[in-house]
C-alpha atoms as a PDB file:
ATOM      1  CA  MET A   1       0.000   0.000   0.000  1.00  0.00           C
ATOM      2  CA  SER A   2       1.455   3.325  -1.024  1.00  0.00           C
ATOM      3  CA  SER A   3       1.914   6.025   1.563  1.00  0.00           C
ATOM      4  CA  THR A   4       0.088   9.335   1.234  1.00  0.00           C
ATOM      5  CA  GLY A   5      -0.544  12.475   3.204  1.00  0.00           C
ATOM      6  CA  PRO A   6       1.581  14.038   5.944  1.00  0.00           C
ATOM      7  CA  HIS A   7       3.493  10.844   6.772  1.00  0.00           C
ATOM      8  CA  ARG A   8       5.129  10.758   3.356  1.00  0.00           C
ATOM      9  CA  LYS A   9       8.463  11.955   4.772  1.00  0.00           C
ATOM     10  CA  ILE A  10      10.123  11.617   8.138  1.00  0.00           C
ATOM     11  CA  MET A  11      11.769  14.955   8.711  1.00  0.00           C
ATOM     12  CA  LEU A  12      15.128  14.002  10.143  1.00  0.00           C
ATOM     13  CA  ALA A  13      18.484  15.177   8.812  1.00  0.00           C
ATOM     14  CA  GLU A  14      16.754  17.315   6.179  1.00  0.00           C
ATOM     15  CA  GLY A  15      14.467  14.603   4.856  1.00  0.00           C
ATOM     16  CA  LYS A  16      17.000  11.789   4.913  1.00  0.00           C
ATOM     17  CA  TYR A  17      14.281   9.101   4.849  1.00  0.00           C
ATOM     18  CA  GLU A  18      11.442   8.976   2.341  1.00  0.00           C
ATOM     19  CA  LEU A  19       8.612   6.502   2.900  1.00  0.00           C
ATOM     20  CA  THR A  20       7.574   4.640  -0.237  1.00  0.00           C
ATOM     21  CA  GLU A  21       4.959   2.105   0.912  1.00  0.00           C
ATOM     22  CA  GLN A  22       3.511   0.547   4.049  1.00  0.00           C
ATOM     23  CA  ALA A  23       5.017  -2.891   4.514  1.00  0.00           C
ATOM     24  CA  GLY A  24       3.131  -4.105   7.565  1.00  0.00           C
ATOM     25  CA  GLU A  25       1.326  -3.213  10.762  1.00  0.00           C
ATOM     26  CA  GLY A  26       1.253  -4.982  14.098  1.00  0.00           C
ATOM     27  CA  GLY A  27      -0.010  -4.364  17.577  1.00  0.00           C
ATOM     28  CA  MET A  28       2.829  -2.043  18.474  1.00  0.00           C
ATOM     29  CA  ALA A  29       4.217  -0.485  15.332  1.00  0.00           C
ATOM     30  CA  THR A  30       3.750   0.235  11.648  1.00  0.00           C
ATOM     31  CA  VAL A  31       6.554  -0.725   9.258  1.00  0.00           C
ATOM     32  CA  TRP A  32       7.293   1.228   6.082  1.00  0.00           C
ATOM     33  CA  LYS A  33       9.599   0.558   3.196  1.00  0.00           C
ATOM     34  CA  ALA A  34      11.658   3.697   2.767  1.00  0.00           C
ATOM     35  CA  VAL A  35      14.578   5.149   0.861  1.00  0.00           C
ATOM     36  CA  MET A  36      17.584   6.412   2.774  1.00  0.00           C
ATOM     37  CA  ARG A  37      19.536   9.048   0.896  1.00  0.00           C
ATOM     38  CA  GLY A  38      23.022  10.349   1.528  1.00  0.00           C
ATOM     39  CA  ALA A  39      25.742  12.445  -0.075  1.00  0.00           C
ATOM     40  CA  ALA A  40      26.870  12.085  -3.690  1.00  0.00           C
ATOM     41  CA  GLY A  41      23.683  10.312  -4.762  1.00  0.00           C
ATOM     42  CA  PHE A  42      23.965   7.454  -2.258  1.00  0.00           C
ATOM     43  CA  SER A  43      20.672   5.674  -1.631  1.00  0.00           C
ATOM     44  CA  ARG A  44      19.353   2.355  -0.343  1.00  0.00           C
ATOM     45  CA  PHE A  45      16.111   0.800   0.848  1.00  0.00           C
ATOM     46  CA  VAL A  46      15.539   0.554   4.601  1.00  0.00           C
ATOM     47  CA  ALA A  47      12.631  -0.345   6.866  1.00  0.00           C
ATOM     48  CA  ILE A  48      11.168   2.351   9.123  1.00  0.00           C
ATOM     49  CA  LYS A  49       9.309   1.155  12.203  1.00  0.00           C
ATOM     50  CA  HIS A  50       6.989   3.769  13.722  1.00  0.00           C
ATOM     51  CA  ILE A  51       5.344   3.476  17.120  1.00  0.00           C
ATOM     52  CA  ARG A  52       1.607   3.169  16.568  1.00  0.00           C
ATOM     53  CA  GLN A  53      -0.435   6.306  17.080  1.00  0.00           C
ATOM     54  CA  GLN A  54      -2.228   5.071  20.218  1.00  0.00           C
ATOM     55  CA  LEU A  55       1.059   4.120  21.921  1.00  0.00           C
ATOM     56  CA  HIS A  56       3.411   7.024  21.243  1.00  0.00           C
ATOM     57  CA  THR A  57       2.078   8.978  24.232  1.00  0.00           C
ATOM     58  CA  ASN A  58       2.526   6.016  26.597  1.00  0.00           C
ATOM     59  CA  ASP A  59       5.624   7.025  28.580  1.00  0.00           C
ATOM     60  CA  GLU A  60       6.362   3.489  29.762  1.00  0.00           C
ATOM     61  CA  PHE A  61       6.216   2.134  26.231  1.00  0.00           C
ATOM     62  CA  VAL A  62       8.385   4.931  24.845  1.00  0.00           C
ATOM     63  CA  LYS A  63      11.065   4.309  27.502  1.00  0.00           C
ATOM     64  CA  MET A  64      11.127   0.616  26.659  1.00  0.00           C
ATOM     65  CA  PHE A  65      11.209   1.402  22.936  1.00  0.00           C
ATOM     66  CA  VAL A  66      14.303   3.544  23.504  1.00  0.00           C
ATOM     67  CA  GLU A  67      15.902   0.839  25.637  1.00  0.00           C
ATOM     68  CA  GLU A  68      15.237  -1.875  23.111  1.00  0.00           C
ATOM     69  CA  ALA A  69      16.560   0.263  20.267  1.00  0.00           C
ATOM     70  CA  ARG A  70      19.864   0.477  22.115  1.00  0.00           C
ATOM     71  CA  VAL A  71      19.967  -3.264  22.729  1.00  0.00           C
ATOM     72  CA  GLY A  72      18.980  -4.009  19.144  1.00  0.00           C
ATOM     73  CA  SER A  73      21.839  -1.890  17.853  1.00  0.00           C
ATOM     74  CA  GLN A  74      24.245  -4.219  19.666  1.00  0.00           C
ATOM     75  CA  LEU A  75      22.945  -7.378  18.004  1.00  0.00           C
ATOM     76  CA  GLN A  76      25.326  -7.684  15.091  1.00  0.00           C
ATOM     77  CA  HIS A  77      24.779 -10.945  13.229  1.00  0.00           C
ATOM     78  CA  ALA A  78      24.080 -12.070   9.664  1.00  0.00           C
ATOM     79  CA  ASN A  79      20.826 -13.769  10.734  1.00  0.00           C
ATOM     80  CA  ILE A  80      19.420 -10.789  12.658  1.00  0.00           C
ATOM     81  CA  VAL A  81      17.857  -7.754  10.992  1.00  0.00           C
ATOM     82  CA  GLN A  82      20.238  -4.895  11.711  1.00  0.00           C
ATOM     83  CA  THR A  83      19.369  -1.591  13.369  1.00  0.00           C
ATOM     84  CA  PHE A  84      20.770   1.406  11.493  1.00  0.00           C
ATOM     85  CA  ASP A  85      19.320   4.473  13.179  1.00  0.00           C
ATOM     86  CA  PHE A  86      16.919   5.700  15.841  1.00  0.00           C
ATOM     87  CA  GLY A  87      15.251   9.072  16.100  1.00  0.00           C
ATOM     88  CA  GLN A  88      12.125  11.207  16.199  1.00  0.00           C
ATOM     89  CA  ASP A  89      10.082  12.413  13.248  1.00  0.00           C
ATOM     90  CA  SER A  90       8.761  15.919  12.751  1.00  0.00           C
ATOM     91  CA  HIS A  91       5.841  15.097  15.086  1.00  0.00           C
ATOM     92  CA  GLY A  92       8.138  13.920  17.868  1.00  0.00           C
ATOM     93  CA  VAL A  93       7.280  10.231  17.397  1.00  0.00           C
ATOM     94  CA  TYR A  94      10.133   7.750  17.836  1.00  0.00           C
ATOM     95  CA  TYR A  95      11.067   5.423  14.998  1.00  0.00           C
ATOM     96  CA  LEU A  96      13.667   2.788  14.194  1.00  0.00           C
ATOM     97  CA  VAL A  97      15.560   2.476  10.921  1.00  0.00           C
ATOM     98  CA  LEU A  98      16.188  -1.177  10.145  1.00  0.00           C
ATOM     99  CA  GLU A  99      17.720  -3.297   7.416  1.00  0.00           C
ATOM    100  CA  TRP A 100      15.261  -3.892   4.573  1.00  0.00           C
ATOM    101  CA  VAL A 101      14.932  -7.564   3.590  1.00  0.00           C
ATOM    102  CA  GLU A 102      13.659  -8.023   0.046  1.00  0.00           C
ATOM    103  CA  GLY A 103      11.806 -11.298   0.159  1.00  0.00           C
ATOM    104  CA  LEU A 104       8.933 -12.469   2.341  1.00  0.00           C
ATOM    105  CA  ASP A 105       8.269 -13.777   5.808  1.00  0.00           C
ATOM    106  CA  PHE A 106       8.149 -17.493   6.487  1.00  0.00           C
ATOM    107  CA  GLY A 107       4.393 -17.405   7.026  1.00  0.00           C
ATOM    108  CA  ARG A 108       3.853 -16.022   3.551  1.00  0.00           C
ATOM    109  CA  TYR A 109       6.115 -18.717   2.089  1.00  0.00           C
ATOM    110  CA  LEU A 110       3.943 -21.363   3.738  1.00  0.00           C
ATOM    111  CA  ASP A 111       0.810 -19.591   2.436  1.00  0.00           C
ATOM    112  CA  ALA A 112       2.189 -19.858  -1.103  1.00  0.00           C
ATOM    113  CA  GLN A 113       2.781 -23.590  -0.699  1.00  0.00           C
ATOM    114  CA  LEU A 114      -0.738 -24.084   0.669  1.00  0.00           C
ATOM    115  CA  ALA A 115      -2.323 -22.051  -2.135  1.00  0.00           C
ATOM    116  CA  ALA A 116      -0.466 -24.161  -4.702  1.00  0.00           C
ATOM    117  CA  GLY A 117      -1.610 -27.387  -3.047  1.00  0.00           C
ATOM    118  CA  GLN A 118       1.970 -28.320  -2.280  1.00  0.00           C
ATOM    119  CA  ARG A 119       3.702 -29.516   0.857  1.00  0.00           C
ATOM    120  CA  PRO A 120       6.798 -27.487   1.793  1.00  0.00           C
ATOM    121  CA  PRO A 121       9.891 -29.716   1.489  1.00  0.00           C
ATOM    122  CA  TRP A 122      10.900 -30.609   5.029  1.00  0.00           C
ATOM    123  CA  PRO A 123      14.643 -30.038   4.396  1.00  0.00           C
ATOM    124  CA  LEU A 124      13.936 -26.410   3.412  1.00  0.00           C
ATOM    125  CA  VAL A 125      11.703 -25.926   6.466  1.00  0.00           C
ATOM    126  CA  ILE A 126      14.468 -27.229   8.721  1.00  0.00           C
ATOM    127  CA  ALA A 127      17.066 -25.114   6.883  1.00  0.00           C
ATOM    128  CA  VAL A 128      15.034 -22.009   7.764  1.00  0.00           C
ATOM    129  CA  GLY A 129      14.946 -23.232  11.353  1.00  0.00           C
ATOM    130  CA  VAL A 130      18.708 -23.739  11.410  1.00  0.00           C
ATOM    131  CA  GLU A 131      19.413 -20.231  10.166  1.00  0.00           C
ATOM    132  CA  THR A 132      16.904 -18.774  12.629  1.00  0.00           C
ATOM    133  CA  LEU A 133      18.696 -20.597  15.430  1.00  0.00           C
ATOM    134  CA  ARG A 134      21.967 -18.985  14.404  1.00  0.00           C
ATOM    135  CA  GLY A 135      20.379 -15.585  14.969  1.00  0.00           C
ATOM    136  CA  LEU A 136      18.754 -16.624  18.248  1.00  0.00           C
ATOM    137  CA  SER A 137      22.044 -18.070  19.458  1.00  0.00           C
ATOM    138  CA  ALA A 138      23.793 -14.748  18.833  1.00  0.00           C
ATOM    139  CA  ALA A 139      21.098 -12.904  20.795  1.00  0.00           C
ATOM    140  CA  HIS A 140      21.019 -15.406  23.653  1.00  0.00           C
ATOM    141  CA  GLU A 141      24.828 -15.359  23.946  1.00  0.00           C
ATOM    142  CA  ARG A 142      25.188 -11.573  23.635  1.00  0.00           C
ATOM    143  CA  VAL A 143      28.089 -10.079  25.579  1.00  0.00           C
ATOM    144  CA  ASP A 144      27.805  -6.484  26.825  1.00  0.00           C
ATOM    145  CA  GLY A 145      30.473  -3.791  26.786  1.00  0.00           C
ATOM    146  CA  HIS A 146      31.886  -5.042  30.081  1.00  0.00           C
ATOM    147  CA  GLY A 147      32.379  -8.588  28.840  1.00  0.00           C
ATOM    148  CA  ASN A 148      29.401  -9.995  30.719  1.00  0.00           C
ATOM    149  CA  VAL A 149      26.898 -12.348  29.100  1.00  0.00           C
ATOM    150  CA  ALA A 150      23.704 -10.314  28.640  1.00  0.00           C
ATOM    151  CA  PRO A 151      21.179 -12.451  26.776  1.00  0.00           C
ATOM    152  CA  VAL A 152      18.454 -10.859  24.700  1.00  0.00           C
ATOM    153  CA  ILE A 153      15.307 -12.996  24.693  1.00  0.00           C
ATOM    154  CA  HIS A 154      13.136 -12.514  21.638  1.00  0.00           C
ATOM    155  CA  ARG A 155       9.778 -13.472  23.219  1.00  0.00           C
ATOM    156  CA  ASP A 156       7.904 -13.422  19.901  1.00  0.00           C
ATOM    157  CA  VAL A 157       9.310 -16.093  17.569  1.00  0.00           C
ATOM    158  CA  THR A 158       6.594 -16.457  14.935  1.00  0.00           C
ATOM    159  CA  PRO A 159       6.553 -17.144  11.168  1.00  0.00           C
ATOM    160  CA  GLN A 160       5.970 -13.420  10.551  1.00  0.00           C
ATOM    161  CA  ASN A 161       9.191 -12.537  12.402  1.00  0.00           C
ATOM    162  CA  ILE A 162      11.344 -14.903  10.333  1.00  0.00           C
ATOM    163  CA  LEU A 163      12.279 -13.231   7.050  1.00  0.00           C
ATOM    164  CA  VAL A 164      13.743 -15.070   4.066  1.00  0.00           C
ATOM    165  CA  GLY A 165      15.340 -12.858   1.426  1.00  0.00           C
ATOM    166  CA  THR A 166      15.389 -13.357  -2.314  1.00  0.00           C
ATOM    167  CA  ASN A 167      19.120 -13.909  -1.749  1.00  0.00           C
ATOM    168  CA  GLY A 168      18.284 -16.922   0.431  1.00  0.00           C
ATOM    169  CA  ILE A 169      19.488 -15.333   3.678  1.00  0.00           C
ATOM    170  CA  VAL A 170      17.257 -15.914   6.721  1.00  0.00           C
ATOM    171  CA  LYS A 171      16.944 -13.117   9.280  1.00  0.00           C
ATOM    172  CA  ILE A 172      14.947 -12.883  12.482  1.00  0.00           C
ATOM    173  CA  THR A 173      13.366  -9.535  13.208  1.00  0.00           C
ATOM    174  CA  ASP A 174      11.412  -7.667  15.898  1.00  0.00           C
ATOM    175  CA  PHE A 175      13.857  -7.915  18.772  1.00  0.00           C
ATOM    176  CA  GLY A 176      13.274  -4.184  19.171  1.00  0.00           C
ATOM    177  CA  LEU A 177       9.767  -4.414  20.594  1.00  0.00           C
ATOM    178  CA  SER A 178       9.887  -7.828  22.220  1.00  0.00           C
ATOM    179  CA  ARG A 179      10.458  -6.801  25.822  1.00  0.00           C
ATOM    180  CA  ALA A 180       7.844  -4.079  25.634  1.00  0.00           C
ATOM    181  CA  MET A 181       5.250  -6.712  24.806  1.00  0.00           C
ATOM    182  CA  ASP A 182       5.546  -8.265  28.264  1.00  0.00           C
ATOM    183  CA  ARG A 183       4.389  -5.195  30.169  1.00  0.00           C
ATOM    184  CA  LEU A 184       1.888  -3.905  27.652  1.00  0.00           C
ATOM    185  CA  GLN A 185      -0.114  -7.087  27.175  1.00  0.00           C
ATOM    186  CA  MET A 186      -2.382  -6.361  30.132  1.00  0.00           C
ATOM    187  CA  THR A 187      -3.207  -2.737  29.249  1.00  0.00           C
ATOM    188  CA  HIS A 188      -3.116  -3.249  25.467  1.00  0.00           C
ATOM    189  CA  PRO A 189      -4.488  -6.738  24.682  1.00  0.00           C
ATOM    190  CA  ASP A 190      -4.288  -6.075  20.930  1.00  0.00           C
ATOM    191  CA  VAL A 191      -0.509  -6.071  21.227  1.00  0.00           C
ATOM    192  CA  ILE A 192      -0.372  -9.842  21.700  1.00  0.00           C
ATOM    193  CA  LYS A 193      -3.414 -10.762  19.626  1.00  0.00           C
ATOM    194  CA  GLY A 194      -2.383 -13.527  17.230  1.00  0.00           C
ATOM    195  CA  LYS A 195       0.792 -14.353  19.186  1.00  0.00           C
ATOM    196  CA  LEU A 196      -0.804 -16.795  21.632  1.00  0.00           C
ATOM    197  CA  ARG A 197      -0.199 -19.675  19.216  1.00  0.00           C
ATOM    198  CA  TYR A 198       3.550 -19.524  19.868  1.00  0.00           C
ATOM    199  CA  LEU A 199       3.659 -19.208  23.664  1.00  0.00           C
ATOM    200  CA  ALA A 200       5.515 -21.715  25.806  1.00  0.00           C
ATOM    201  CA  PRO A 201       3.312 -23.190  28.564  1.00  0.00           C
ATOM    202  CA  GLU A 202       5.364 -21.694  31.399  1.00  0.00           C
ATOM    203  CA  VAL A 203       4.886 -18.208  29.952  1.00  0.00           C
ATOM    204  CA  THR A 204       1.101 -18.654  30.081  1.00  0.00           C
ATOM    205  CA  MET A 205       1.515 -19.259  33.823  1.00  0.00           C
ATOM    206  CA  GLY A 206       3.255 -15.945  34.393  1.00  0.00           C
ATOM    207  CA  GLN A 207       6.846 -17.167  34.346  1.00  0.00           C
ATOM    208  CA  PRO A 208       9.390 -14.958  32.544  1.00  0.00           C
ATOM    209  CA  ALA A 209      10.390 -15.658  28.966  1.00  0.00           C
ATOM    210  CA  THR A 210      13.723 -17.459  28.641  1.00  0.00           C
ATOM    211  CA  VAL A 211      16.054 -18.981  26.097  1.00  0.00           C
ATOM    212  CA  LYS A 212      13.997 -22.165  26.314  1.00  0.00           C
ATOM    213  CA  SER A 213      10.685 -20.408  25.680  1.00  0.00           C
ATOM    214  CA  ASP A 214      12.210 -18.840  22.552  1.00  0.00           C
ATOM    215  CA  LEU A 215      13.235 -22.306  21.365  1.00  0.00           C
ATOM    216  CA  PHE A 216       9.770 -23.634  22.151  1.00  0.00           C
ATOM    217  CA  GLY A 217       8.264 -20.893  19.965  1.00  0.00           C
ATOM    218  CA  LEU A 218      10.551 -21.765  17.068  1.00  0.00           C
ATOM    219  CA  ALA A 219       9.740 -25.454  17.491  1.00  0.00           C
ATOM    220  CA  ILE A 220       6.037 -24.610  17.158  1.00  0.00           C
ATOM    221  CA  VAL A 221       6.795 -22.702  13.936  1.00  0.00           C
ATOM    222  CA  LEU A 222       8.606 -25.727  12.490  1.00  0.00           C
ATOM    223  CA  TRP A 223       6.027 -28.237  13.775  1.00  0.00           C
ATOM    224  CA  GLU A 224       3.161 -26.293  12.183  1.00  0.00           C
ATOM    225  CA  ALA A 225       5.036 -25.925   8.889  1.00  0.00           C
ATOM    226  CA  LEU A 226       5.515 -29.684   8.730  1.00  0.00           C
ATOM    227  CA  ALA A 227       2.121 -30.712  10.128  1.00  0.00           C
ATOM    228  CA  GLU A 228       0.277 -28.111   8.021  1.00  0.00           C
ATOM    229  CA  ARG A 229      -2.012 -27.268  10.944  1.00  0.00           C
ATOM    230  CA  PRO A 230      -1.856 -25.170  14.115  1.00  0.00           C
ATOM    231  CA  LEU A 231      -0.438 -26.839  17.204  1.00  0.00           C
ATOM    232  CA  TYR A 232      -2.766 -24.984  19.568  1.00  0.00           C
ATOM    233  CA  LEU A 233      -6.406 -25.296  18.610  1.00  0.00           C
ATOM    234  CA  GLY A 234      -9.268 -23.033  19.654  1.00  0.00           C
ATOM    235  CA  ASN A 235     -11.945 -20.762  18.257  1.00  0.00           C
ATOM    236  CA  THR A 236     -11.231 -17.915  20.682  1.00  0.00           C
ATOM    237  CA  ASP A 237      -8.132 -16.366  22.250  1.00  0.00           C
ATOM    238  CA  ALA A 238      -9.158 -17.893  25.587  1.00  0.00           C
ATOM    239  CA  GLU A 239      -9.349 -21.382  24.083  1.00  0.00           C
ATOM    240  CA  VAL A 240      -5.974 -20.985  22.363  1.00  0.00           C
ATOM    241  CA  PHE A 241      -4.476 -19.703  25.626  1.00  0.00           C
ATOM    242  CA  LEU A 242      -5.730 -22.755  27.510  1.00  0.00           C
ATOM    243  CA  SER A 243      -4.416 -25.017  24.762  1.00  0.00           C
ATOM    244  CA  ALA A 244      -1.009 -23.313  25.064  1.00  0.00           C
ATOM    245  CA  ARG A 245      -1.044 -23.877  28.814  1.00  0.00           C
ATOM    246  CA  LYS A 246      -1.669 -27.612  28.315  1.00  0.00           C
ATOM    247  CA  ALA A 247       0.931 -27.800  25.517  1.00  0.00           C
ATOM    248  CA  GLU A 248      -0.276 -31.135  24.234  1.00  0.00           C
ATOM    249  CA  VAL A 249       1.657 -32.108  21.095  1.00  0.00           C
ATOM    250  CA  PRO A 250      -0.022 -34.605  18.733  1.00  0.00           C
ATOM    251  CA  PRO A 251       2.406 -37.224  17.351  1.00  0.00           C
ATOM    252  CA  LEU A 252       3.988 -35.598  14.320  1.00  0.00           C
ATOM    253  CA  ASN A 253       4.967 -38.966  12.856  1.00  0.00           C
ATOM    254  CA  GLU A 254       1.260 -39.817  12.542  1.00  0.00           C
ATOM    255  CA  LEU A 255       0.566 -36.584  10.658  1.00  0.00           C
ATOM    256  CA  ARG A 256       3.735 -36.854   8.555  1.00  0.00           C
ATOM    257  CA  PRO A 257       4.863 -40.508   8.343  1.00  0.00           C
ATOM    258  CA  ASP A 258       7.385 -39.502   5.663  1.00  0.00           C
ATOM    259  CA  LEU A 259       9.515 -37.541   8.159  1.00  0.00           C
ATOM    260  CA  PRO A 260      12.661 -39.175   9.563  1.00  0.00           C
ATOM    261  CA  ALA A 261      12.072 -40.431  13.099  1.00  0.00           C
ATOM    262  CA  PRO A 262      15.202 -38.655  14.476  1.00  0.00           C
ATOM    263  CA  LEU A 263      13.895 -35.335  13.150  1.00  0.00           C
ATOM    264  CA  VAL A 264      10.545 -35.861  14.866  1.00  0.00           C
ATOM    265  CA  GLU A 265      12.395 -36.645  18.085  1.00  0.00           C
ATOM    266  CA  VAL A 266      14.365 -33.386  17.861  1.00  0.00           C
ATOM    267  CA  LEU A 267      11.110 -31.430  17.674  1.00  0.00           C
ATOM    268  CA  ASN A 268       9.609 -33.482  20.494  1.00  0.00           C
ATOM    269  CA  VAL A 269      12.528 -32.501  22.736  1.00  0.00           C
ATOM    270  CA  ALA A 270      12.162 -28.832  21.805  1.00  0.00           C
ATOM    271  CA  LEU A 271       8.403 -29.034  22.534  1.00  0.00           C
ATOM    272  CA  ALA A 272       8.681 -30.762  25.913  1.00  0.00           C
ATOM    273  CA  ARG A 273       6.200 -29.212  28.334  1.00  0.00           C
ATOM    274  CA  ASP A 274       8.823 -29.245  31.100  1.00  0.00           C
ATOM    275  CA  PRO A 275      11.538 -26.696  30.223  1.00  0.00           C
ATOM    276  CA  GLY A 276      14.087 -28.925  31.974  1.00  0.00           C
ATOM    277  CA  GLN A 277      13.544 -31.581  29.296  1.00  0.00           C
ATOM    278  CA  ARG A 278      14.187 -29.213  26.368  1.00  0.00           C
ATOM    279  CA  PHE A 279      17.406 -28.242  24.654  1.00  0.00           C
ATOM    280  CA  ALA A 280      19.546 -26.119  26.958  1.00  0.00           C
ATOM    281  CA  SER A 281      20.516 -23.600  24.286  1.00  0.00           C
ATOM    282  CA  ALA A 282      19.923 -22.489  20.726  1.00  0.00           C
ATOM    283  CA  ARG A 283      23.364 -23.826  19.880  1.00  0.00           C
ATOM    284  CA  GLU A 284      22.397 -27.297  21.126  1.00  0.00           C
ATOM    285  CA  MET A 285      19.167 -27.337  19.117  1.00  0.00           C
ATOM    286  CA  LEU A 286      21.087 -26.004  16.112  1.00  0.00           C
ATOM    287  CA  ARG A 287      23.482 -28.950  16.236  1.00  0.00           C
ATOM    288  CA  ALA A 288      20.589 -31.402  16.459  1.00  0.00           C
ATOM    289  CA  LEU A 289      18.780 -29.981  13.417  1.00  0.00           C
ATOM    290  CA  THR A 290      21.963 -29.561  11.389  1.00  0.00           C
ATOM    291  CA  SER A 291      22.726 -33.254  11.877  1.00  0.00           C
ATOM    292  CA  GLN A 292      19.373 -34.050  10.248  1.00  0.00           C
ATOM    293  CA  LEU A 293      20.134 -31.922   7.190  1.00  0.00           C
ATOM    294  CA  ARG A 294      23.388 -33.805   6.670  1.00  0.00           C
ATOM    295  CA  GLN A 295      21.318 -36.905   5.947  1.00  0.00           C
ATOM    296  CA  VAL A 296      19.578 -35.465   2.864  1.00  0.00           C
ATOM    297  CA  ALA A 297      20.942 -35.330  -0.656  1.00  0.00           C
ATOM    298  CA  GLU A 298      19.148 -32.189  -1.861  1.00  0.00           C
ATOM    299  CA  SER A 299      20.692 -28.782  -1.367  1.00  0.00           C
ATOM    300  CA  THR A 300      19.406 -26.560   1.432  1.00  0.00           C
ATOM    301  CA  ASP A 301      21.875 -23.721   0.985  1.00  0.00           C
ATOM    302  CA  ALA A 302      21.126 -20.037   0.338  1.00  0.00           C
ATOM    303  CA  PHE A 303      20.695 -20.665  -3.386  1.00  0.00           C
ATOM    304  CA  ALA A 304      17.997 -23.287  -2.737  1.00  0.00           C
ATOM    305  CA  LEU A 305      16.202 -20.974  -0.294  1.00  0.00           C
ATOM    306  CA  SER A 306      16.498 -18.120  -2.782  1.00  0.00           C
ATOM    307  CA  ARG A 307      14.778 -20.131  -5.497  1.00  0.00           C
ATOM    308  CA  ALA A 308      12.031 -21.149  -3.066  1.00  0.00           C
ATOM    309  CA  VAL A 309      11.398 -17.531  -2.062  1.00  0.00           C
ATOM    310  CA  ILE A 310      11.322 -16.261  -5.635  1.00  0.00           C
ATOM    311  CA  TRP A 311       8.868 -19.040  -6.555  1.00  0.00           C
ATOM    312  CA  ALA A 312       6.656 -18.164  -3.575  1.00  0.00           C
ATOM    313  CA  ARG A 313       6.650 -14.446  -4.405  1.00  0.00           C
ATOM    314  CA  ASN A 314       5.595 -15.234  -7.961  1.00  0.00           C
ATOM    315  CA  ALA A 315       2.930 -17.669  -6.738  1.00  0.00           C
ATOM    316  CA  LEU A 316       1.517 -14.973  -4.451  1.00  0.00           C
ATOM    317  CA  GLY A 317       1.494 -12.411  -7.257  1.00  0.00           C
ATOM    318  CA  MET A 318       3.968 -10.146  -5.497  1.00  0.00           C
ATOM    319  CA  PRO A 319       5.571  -7.499  -7.709  1.00  0.00           C
ATOM    320  CA  GLU A 320       9.141  -7.753  -8.871  1.00  0.00           C
ATOM    321  CA  PRO A 321      11.614  -5.818  -6.687  1.00  0.00           C
ATOM    322  CA  ARG A 322      12.094  -2.289  -7.986  1.00  0.00           C
ATOM    323  CA  PRO A 323      15.281  -0.233  -7.951  1.00  0.00           C
ATOM    324  CA  VAL A 324      15.601   2.701  -5.580  1.00  0.00           C
ATOM    325  CA  PRO A 325      13.543   5.586  -7.045  1.00  0.00           C
ATOM    326  CA  PRO A 326      15.452   8.689  -8.078  1.00  0.00           C
ATOM    327  CA  ALA A 327      15.458  11.663  -5.728  1.00  0.00           C
END
């Protein structure tokens, strides 16, 4: 959707960022595709994340947004969407400038497969999971400026927050607003609407999000991609919430008898209701899934993912990527 009206430009550094189209909207922020311009004709696409109108006057939210922007800027990894800038627009509203990923989110890729009546190849699904785990591992093992381990927990690992580029590179996004979600969910229920499907059972009981709850969320993403159905069933948010609290996992091998038994077991470990029975770290789960990919003959590298993304974009009728528009 093209942008119009007074939000066409963010007035910072003499109009450094020009919004070109709205790319998405969630409970906490609106994301725009934008052009960043610099000296001597330099330009590139970026993503601009704006605090939603009803939240920008919430002092608690704004403070957390600022805090998370600082933390996000310290997460430097190939599988994490990078933070480039942070500022205020001409109306005083805070925004983040993020790396633009030309491609689609993992949920949209699965939609394309469903619409075409196809089953996503399990090696490609697991390859996306492996690359996502590389990003999560970097966040969970973050070291601060004093050399202390200072993990960043994502809290919102969903298909929409896993981006796969047309270059085949997988990047996890939305670390910036993850911590804010915890405190705002009671006063702003719309913030977590649609995210209940990926909650770990201990989180539904008021326990803090951890490395293991992040891994549980990713395991749900992979389980659903392979099973082609939601893990948590329910017609209302309350029913889904109760289903998440029970965390009952139907046998995946009965839904997908073609899957290797060791792969199913890896997901069963990651989806254990007791956190003590799960993988201890993203690195440990990464090793387990990588060992499964070594057993397949077909390629699951960036080129294979790139072809899959380009096919999915075409199947969904998405337009071809355009060059940066002239100033």
